[in-house]
Protein backbone atom coordinates (compact mmCIF):
# COMPACT_ATOMS: atom_id res chain seq x y z
CA MET A 1 -2.30 -0.01 12.58
CA SER A 2 -0.23 3.09 12.40
CA LEU A 3 3.15 1.42 12.91
CA VAL A 4 2.96 -0.05 9.44
CA MET A 5 0.03 1.86 8.05
CA VAL A 6 2.11 5.00 7.98
CA LEU A 7 4.48 3.42 5.49
CA ALA A 8 1.53 2.46 3.35
CA VAL A 9 0.04 5.92 3.70
CA ILE A 10 3.32 7.55 2.75
CA ALA A 11 3.62 5.25 -0.25
CA ALA A 12 0.05 5.78 -1.35
CA THR A 13 0.05 9.47 -0.53
CA LEU A 14 3.46 10.87 -1.38
CA VAL A 15 4.05 8.49 -4.26
CA GLY A 16 0.53 7.90 -5.50
CA CYS A 17 -0.87 11.37 -4.98
CA VAL A 18 2.06 13.75 -5.30
CA VAL A 19 4.92 12.11 -7.19
CA LEU A 20 2.61 10.38 -9.65
CA LEU A 21 0.81 13.65 -10.21
CA TRP A 22 4.16 15.18 -11.04
CA LEU A 23 5.07 12.38 -13.41
CA LEU A 24 1.66 12.56 -15.04
CA LEU A 25 1.70 16.29 -15.52
CA ARG A 26 5.35 16.30 -16.48
CA PHE A 27 5.09 13.80 -19.31
CA ALA A 28 1.44 13.27 -20.28
CA LEU A 29 0.32 16.82 -21.00
CA PRO A 30 1.55 19.42 -23.53
CA TRP A 31 4.68 21.41 -22.93
CA TRP A 32 2.80 24.53 -21.85
CA LEU A 33 1.26 22.60 -18.95
CA ARG A 34 4.67 21.45 -17.76
CA ARG A 35 5.58 25.05 -16.92
CA LYS A 36 2.79 25.16 -14.32
CA ILE A 37 4.54 22.51 -12.24
CA ALA A 38 8.16 23.38 -12.89
CA ALA A 39 8.64 24.01 -9.17
CA MET A 40 7.98 20.31 -8.54
CA ALA A 41 10.77 19.13 -10.85
CA ASP A 42 13.13 18.25 -7.98
CA MET A 43 10.71 15.94 -6.19
CA PRO A 44 11.92 12.34 -5.63
CA GLN A 45 10.50 9.79 -8.03
CA ASN A 46 9.26 6.26 -7.34
CA ALA A 47 7.89 3.64 -9.69
CA GLY A 48 4.72 3.20 -7.65
CA ILE A 49 3.20 1.90 -4.45
CA ALA A 50 5.25 -0.71 -2.61
CA ALA A 51 3.08 -3.79 -2.23
CA ARG A 52 5.78 -5.40 -0.12
CA ILE A 53 8.84 -4.02 1.66
CA SER A 54 12.11 -5.13 3.15
CA LEU A 55 14.20 -3.64 5.96
CA VAL A 56 17.93 -3.18 5.44
CA PRO A 57 20.10 -2.31 8.46
CA ALA A 58 21.88 0.97 7.87
CA VAL A 59 23.67 3.70 9.77
CA GLN A 60 23.58 7.02 7.99
CA ALA A 61 22.84 10.61 8.83
CA TRP A 62 19.24 11.37 9.70
CA GLN A 63 17.46 13.58 7.18
CA GLN A 64 15.47 15.62 9.68
CA PRO A 65 17.24 17.70 12.36
CA VAL A 66 14.80 16.68 15.12
CA THR A 67 15.04 12.91 14.58
CA ALA A 68 17.85 12.40 17.10
CA ARG A 69 15.92 14.32 19.79
CA VAL A 70 12.79 12.23 19.22
CA ILE A 71 14.89 9.07 19.54
CA ASP A 72 16.33 10.33 22.82
CA ASP A 73 12.84 11.05 24.15
CA VAL A 74 11.60 7.58 23.19
CA ARG A 75 14.62 5.92 24.81
CA ALA A 76 14.02 7.97 27.95
CA SER A 77 10.60 6.28 28.13
CA GLY A 78 12.25 2.87 28.55
CA PHE A 79 12.76 1.72 24.96
CA VAL A 80 16.02 0.10 23.90
CA GLU A 81 17.35 0.20 20.36
CA ILE A 82 16.71 -2.69 17.98
CA GLY A 83 18.30 -1.06 14.99
CA ARG A 84 18.23 1.53 12.25
CA PHE A 85 16.90 0.64 8.84
CA VAL A 86 16.26 1.91 5.35
CA VAL A 87 13.36 0.71 3.21
CA PRO A 88 14.71 0.17 -0.34
CA GLU A 89 11.21 0.12 -1.82
CA MET A 90 10.57 3.64 -0.46
CA PRO A 91 13.32 6.09 -1.32
CA THR A 92 14.17 8.55 1.48
CA MET A 93 12.49 6.39 4.15
CA GLN A 94 14.60 5.60 7.22
CA LEU A 95 13.42 4.37 10.59
CA TRP A 96 14.67 3.75 14.09
CA ALA A 97 13.22 0.70 15.83
CA GLY A 98 13.14 -0.03 19.53
CA CYS A 99 11.41 -2.31 22.01
CA HIS A 100 10.26 -1.94 25.60
CA PRO A 101 11.57 -4.95 27.57
CA GLN A 102 8.97 -4.56 30.30
CA ASP A 103 5.90 -4.12 28.10
CA GLY A 104 6.97 -6.10 25.01
CA VAL A 105 5.81 -3.28 22.73
CA ALA A 106 7.75 -1.72 19.87
CA ALA A 107 8.58 1.81 18.83
CA ALA A 108 9.25 3.04 15.32
CA ILE A 109 10.47 6.54 14.55
CA TYR A 110 10.13 7.60 10.91
CA ASP A 111 12.71 9.86 9.31
CA HIS A 112 11.44 10.76 5.84
CA GLY A 113 12.87 13.13 3.30
CA THR A 114 9.75 15.30 3.08
CA MET A 115 7.43 14.37 5.98
CA PRO A 116 7.81 15.63 9.57
CA VAL A 117 9.37 13.15 11.99
CA PHE A 118 6.83 11.08 13.91
CA PHE A 119 6.68 7.85 15.87
CA ASP A 120 4.44 4.88 16.61
CA LEU A 121 4.26 2.78 19.75
CA VAL A 122 2.58 -0.52 18.99
CA ARG A 123 1.29 -3.52 20.88
CA VAL A 124 1.01 -6.67 18.75
CA TYR A 125 -1.17 -9.70 19.44
CA ASP A 126 -0.42 -13.26 18.37
CA ASP A 127 -2.95 -12.99 15.51
CA LEU A 128 -1.03 -9.87 14.34
CA ALA A 129 -3.81 -7.47 15.26
CA THR A 130 -2.37 -4.30 16.78
CA CYS A 131 -3.07 -1.43 19.12
CA THR A 132 -1.04 1.65 18.23
CA VAL A 133 -0.49 5.13 19.59
CA SER A 134 0.90 7.40 16.91
CA THR A 135 1.97 10.94 16.17
CA ASN A 136 1.42 10.40 12.45
CA PRO A 137 0.23 13.79 11.13
CA ILE A 138 -1.63 12.25 8.17
CA HIS A 139 -3.29 9.36 9.98
CA ASP A 140 -6.40 8.11 8.20
CA PRO A 141 -8.74 5.89 10.29
CA GLU A 142 -10.03 4.29 7.08
CA ASN A 143 -6.62 2.70 6.58
CA VAL A 144 -6.63 0.80 9.88
CA PRO A 145 -7.32 -2.89 9.17
CA PRO A 146 -10.24 -4.63 10.88
CA GLY A 147 -9.38 -5.88 14.36
CA SER A 148 -6.73 -3.23 14.97
CA ARG A 149 -6.89 0.13 16.71
CA CYS A 150 -4.96 3.37 16.44
CA ILE A 151 -4.96 6.50 18.60
CA ALA A 152 -3.34 9.39 16.72
CA ASP A 153 -2.23 12.71 18.14
CA PRO A 154 0.66 14.55 16.44
CA ALA A 155 1.39 16.55 19.60
CA MET A 156 1.70 13.59 22.01
CA PRO A 157 5.14 13.16 23.68
CA PRO A 158 6.59 9.63 23.94
CA GLN A 159 6.00 9.14 27.67
CA THR A 160 2.35 10.16 27.33
CA ALA A 161 2.02 7.90 24.31
CA LEU A 162 3.37 4.95 26.31
CA GLU A 163 0.99 5.65 29.19
CA THR A 164 -1.88 5.91 26.72
CA LEU A 165 -0.96 2.57 25.17
CA ARG A 166 -0.71 0.92 28.59
CA ALA A 167 -4.20 2.22 29.41
CA GLN A 168 -5.79 0.41 26.46
CA PRO A 169 -7.48 -2.91 27.27
CA VAL A 170 -5.55 -5.99 26.24
CA ALA A 171 -7.56 -7.60 23.42
CA GLY A 172 -5.76 -10.92 23.02
CA ASN A 173 -2.59 -12.89 23.62
CA LEU A 174 0.39 -10.57 23.36
CA LEU A 175 3.24 -11.12 20.94
CA PRO A 176 6.27 -9.49 22.60
CA LEU A 177 8.50 -7.69 20.13
CA ASP A 178 12.27 -7.62 20.40
CA ALA A 179 15.37 -7.68 18.20
CA GLY A 180 14.73 -11.32 17.33
CA ASN A 181 11.35 -10.88 15.65
CA PHE A 182 10.89 -7.19 14.90
CA GLU A 183 11.86 -7.31 11.22
CA SER A 184 9.72 -10.30 10.27
CA VAL A 185 6.69 -9.04 12.20
CA PHE A 186 7.05 -5.51 10.85
CA ILE A 187 7.25 -6.73 7.24
CA GLU A 188 4.17 -8.92 7.63
CA LEU A 189 2.23 -6.14 9.36
CA TYR A 190 3.07 -3.84 6.48
CA ALA A 191 1.84 -6.46 4.02
CA ARG A 192 -1.46 -6.78 5.90
CA SER A 193 -1.84 -3.03 6.12
CA ILE A 194 -1.20 -2.36 2.44
CA ASP A 195 -3.42 -5.32 1.52
CA HIS A 196 -6.25 -3.62 3.39
CA ILE A 197 -5.63 -0.31 1.64
CA LEU A 198 -5.35 -1.88 -1.81
CA SER A 199 -8.53 -3.93 -1.34
CA LYS A 200 -10.66 -0.80 -1.01
CA GLN A 201 -12.32 0.99 -3.89
CA MET A 202 -10.03 3.09 -6.03
CA PRO A 203 -9.74 6.73 -4.92
CA ASP A 204 -11.63 9.32 -6.90
CA ALA A 205 -10.73 12.97 -7.41
CA GLU A 206 -12.33 14.02 -4.11
CA ALA A 207 -10.39 11.41 -2.15
CA MET A 208 -7.11 12.38 -3.81
CA ARG A 209 -7.69 16.05 -3.08
CA SER A 210 -8.39 15.16 0.56
CA VAL A 211 -5.16 13.21 0.85
CA GLY A 212 -3.24 15.99 -0.85
CA ALA A 213 -4.67 18.51 1.61
CA ARG A 214 -3.56 16.41 4.59
CA VAL A 215 -0.05 16.07 3.19
CA SER A 216 0.07 19.80 2.48
CA GLU A 217 -0.98 20.59 6.05
CA ALA A 218 1.67 18.24 7.46
CA THR A 219 4.54 19.36 5.22
CA GLY A 220 3.71 22.97 4.42
CA ALA A 221 4.06 22.23 0.71
CA PRO A 222 1.30 23.65 -1.50
CA VAL A 223 -1.18 21.27 -3.12
CA PRO A 224 -0.78 21.22 -6.93
CA GLU A 225 -3.55 23.22 -8.58
CA LEU A 226 -5.17 20.89 -11.09
CA ASP A 227 -8.11 21.48 -13.38
CA GLU A 228 -10.66 18.72 -13.97
CA GLN A 229 -8.85 17.25 -16.97
CA GLN A 230 -5.55 17.11 -15.12
CA MET A 231 -7.17 15.60 -12.04
CA GLN A 232 -8.87 12.90 -14.12
CA LEU A 233 -5.54 12.00 -15.66
CA ALA A 234 -4.08 11.83 -12.15
CA VAL A 235 -6.94 9.57 -10.98
CA ASP A 236 -6.36 7.27 -13.95
CA MET A 237 -2.63 7.13 -13.20
CA GLN A 238 -3.31 6.38 -9.54
CA ARG A 239 -5.74 3.62 -10.51
CA SER A 240 -3.15 1.97 -12.73
CA THR A 241 -0.52 2.20 -10.01
CA ARG A 242 -2.81 0.71 -7.37
CA LEU A 243 -3.90 -2.12 -9.65
CA ALA A 244 -0.26 -3.01 -10.31
CA ALA A 245 0.47 -3.05 -6.57
CA LEU A 246 -2.69 -5.06 -5.92
CA GLN A 247 -1.64 -7.66 -8.49
CA GLU A 248 1.76 -7.95 -6.81
CA ALA A 249 0.08 -8.44 -3.42
CA ILE A 250 -2.29 -11.09 -4.83
CA VAL A 251 0.61 -13.01 -6.34
CA ASP A 252 2.51 -12.85 -3.05
CA ARG A 253 -0.47 -14.27 -1.12
CA TYR A 254 -0.94 -16.97 -3.78
CA LEU A 255 2.69 -18.06 -3.52
CA GLN A 256 2.42 -18.14 0.27
CA SER A 257 -0.62 -20.41 0.02
CA GLY A 258 1.38 -23.34 -1.31
CA GLN A 259 -0.98 -23.96 -4.22
CA ILE A 260 1.86 -24.16 -6.74
CA GLY A 261 5.36 -25.59 -6.82
CA ALA A 262 8.48 -23.66 -7.75
CA ARG A 263 8.96 -25.41 -11.11
CA GLU A 264 5.36 -24.85 -12.23
CA TRP A 265 5.50 -21.23 -11.08
CA GLU A 266 8.55 -20.51 -13.22
CA ARG A 267 6.71 -21.96 -16.19
CA VAL A 268 3.55 -19.84 -15.84
CA ARG A 269 4.60 -16.67 -14.01
CA ASP A 270 4.81 -14.60 -17.20
CA ARG A 271 1.41 -15.74 -18.47
CA LEU A 272 -0.82 -14.75 -15.54
CA ALA A 273 -4.24 -13.19 -15.83
CA ILE A 274 -5.65 -12.09 -12.47
CA VAL A 275 -9.36 -11.36 -12.14
CA HIS A 276 -11.03 -9.50 -9.26
CA ASP A 277 -13.78 -6.98 -8.71
CA LEU A 278 -11.59 -3.87 -8.64
CA LEU A 279 -10.96 -4.28 -12.34
CA SER A 280 -13.33 -2.56 -14.73
CA ARG A 281 -15.80 -4.76 -16.59
CA GLU A 282 -13.95 -3.91 -19.78
CA ASP A 283 -10.64 -5.06 -18.27
CA ALA A 284 -12.24 -8.33 -17.16
CA ALA A 285 -13.69 -8.87 -20.63
CA GLU A 286 -10.28 -8.35 -22.24
CA LEU A 287 -8.75 -10.94 -19.93
CA ALA A 288 -11.53 -13.45 -20.65
CA ARG A 289 -10.81 -13.37 -24.37
CA SER A 290 -7.01 -13.46 -24.14
CA ASN A 291 -6.92 -16.79 -25.99
CA CYS A 292 -9.50 -15.88 -28.63
CA ASP A 293 -9.89 -14.30 -32.02
CA ILE A 294 -11.16 -11.09 -30.48
CA ALA A 295 -13.04 -9.83 -33.52
CA ALA A 296 -15.03 -13.07 -33.79
CA ILE A 297 -16.63 -12.64 -30.37
CA ASP A 298 -17.07 -8.87 -30.26
CA ALA A 299 -20.86 -9.08 -30.45
CA MET A 300 -21.09 -11.60 -27.62
CA VAL A 301 -18.75 -9.57 -25.42
CA ALA A 302 -20.78 -6.41 -26.09
CA ARG A 303 -23.97 -8.20 -25.01
CA VAL A 304 -22.33 -9.35 -21.77
CA LEU A 305 -20.94 -5.89 -21.02
CA ALA A 306 -24.42 -4.43 -21.52
CA LEU A 307 -25.62 -6.56 -18.58
CA GLU A 308 -23.44 -4.44 -16.24
CA LEU A 309 -22.36 -7.41 -14.14
CA SER A 310 -19.48 -7.32 -11.68
CA PRO A 311 -16.03 -7.76 -13.25
CA LEU A 312 -15.74 -11.33 -11.94
CA ASP A 313 -19.21 -12.23 -13.22
CA THR A 314 -18.43 -10.56 -16.55
CA PHE A 315 -15.29 -12.67 -16.89
CA GLU A 316 -17.11 -15.88 -15.98
CA LYS A 317 -20.05 -15.23 -18.31
CA ILE A 318 -17.79 -14.56 -21.29
CA THR A 319 -15.66 -17.58 -20.41
CA ALA A 320 -18.71 -19.83 -20.23
CA ALA A 321 -19.66 -18.83 -23.79
CA LEU A 322 -16.26 -19.76 -25.22
CA PRO A 323 -15.17 -23.15 -26.54
CA GLU A 324 -13.13 -25.10 -23.99
CA SER A 325 -9.97 -24.68 -26.06
CA GLN A 326 -10.21 -20.87 -25.86
CA ARG A 327 -10.76 -20.60 -22.12
CA LEU A 328 -8.01 -19.57 -19.73
CA ARG A 329 -6.83 -22.28 -17.35
CA LEU A 330 -7.66 -21.64 -13.69
CA LEU A 331 -4.47 -21.74 -11.65
CA GLY A 332 -5.82 -20.93 -8.20
CA GLU A 333 -7.72 -18.53 -5.94
CA VAL A 334 -6.93 -16.28 -2.99
CA ASP A 335 -9.07 -14.47 -0.44
CA HIS A 336 -6.55 -11.74 0.41
CA PRO A 337 -6.08 -8.87 -0.19
CA LEU A 338 -9.48 -9.56 -1.78
CA TYR A 339 -11.06 -12.53 -3.52
CA ALA A 340 -9.22 -13.09 -6.80
CA GLN A 341 -8.82 -15.82 -9.40
CA LEU A 342 -5.50 -16.50 -11.09
CA TYR A 343 -5.51 -17.88 -14.65
CA VAL A 344 -2.88 -18.85 -17.19
CA THR A 345 -3.02 -17.66 -20.78
CA SER A 346 -1.79 -19.77 -23.67
CA VAL A 347 0.58 -17.15 -25.03
């Protein structure tokens, strides 16, 4: 789903793999290590991966000199302008959106501060599955959600891309895109795309190096040279960032489910404990004993951890061994981005 996946990839890649590496190396290691990455000091900073985005109409100068030409080429293929937008959750991200009145498909051209300009042409079905033709230079097939397809070729011109999209078999009832629904559909497609990415196993050092290499090839910027200790710190930082984004996505899906009213939500929102299988067992154990005298149950927790159960099973086994008064209250469950249980702590 490259139309929205690319935003997720840019967030996870440029923010999670490059900017977070810079922040990590800049502040977490001794001063002598900071000198090794001094050349990266001017890179834009972001707090983390955007679990959800918004589109804000804007008219400002494009950041890349070729953006206007790419827009002209896309319009010459029959697309009409929907609008120009910035994405507040992703600094330096701008995009041009258009639709094809005849085909009902959308175009998005991405103007990013550091990435080369590229575009997506996307067909959307009424179940929000997509078929996309993209020139995304860092496309990763693993990030395409189930039920969607993406054909990626960085060298493909817009007219060829449109013909390629038209040649793909129609896999369902079409959802025509136009100025009336583009923003809402785009935002939901992004949410589904990032949910898919965040639901996967956390990246290890090899995966992060692979992503960094793809970004380096696309941008011409060198990959930071990290030793094993530095890379492990970067992996740990990326894991924390992804878990925070995953928690935000889980909460969003829970609120959409209608399981809780606005008044109750305001009362409990600051006392959430969210349990899922991308936590570590140790994290799950800490959540399970949030309402306890931790020292008093250390031996029991150690015995459960020694069983090497899944994080969810670890949480449930520890909870079952606690008095009722010390158990967290189950608030609800969600199945997306992954199965998760939401609890309320007493403090």
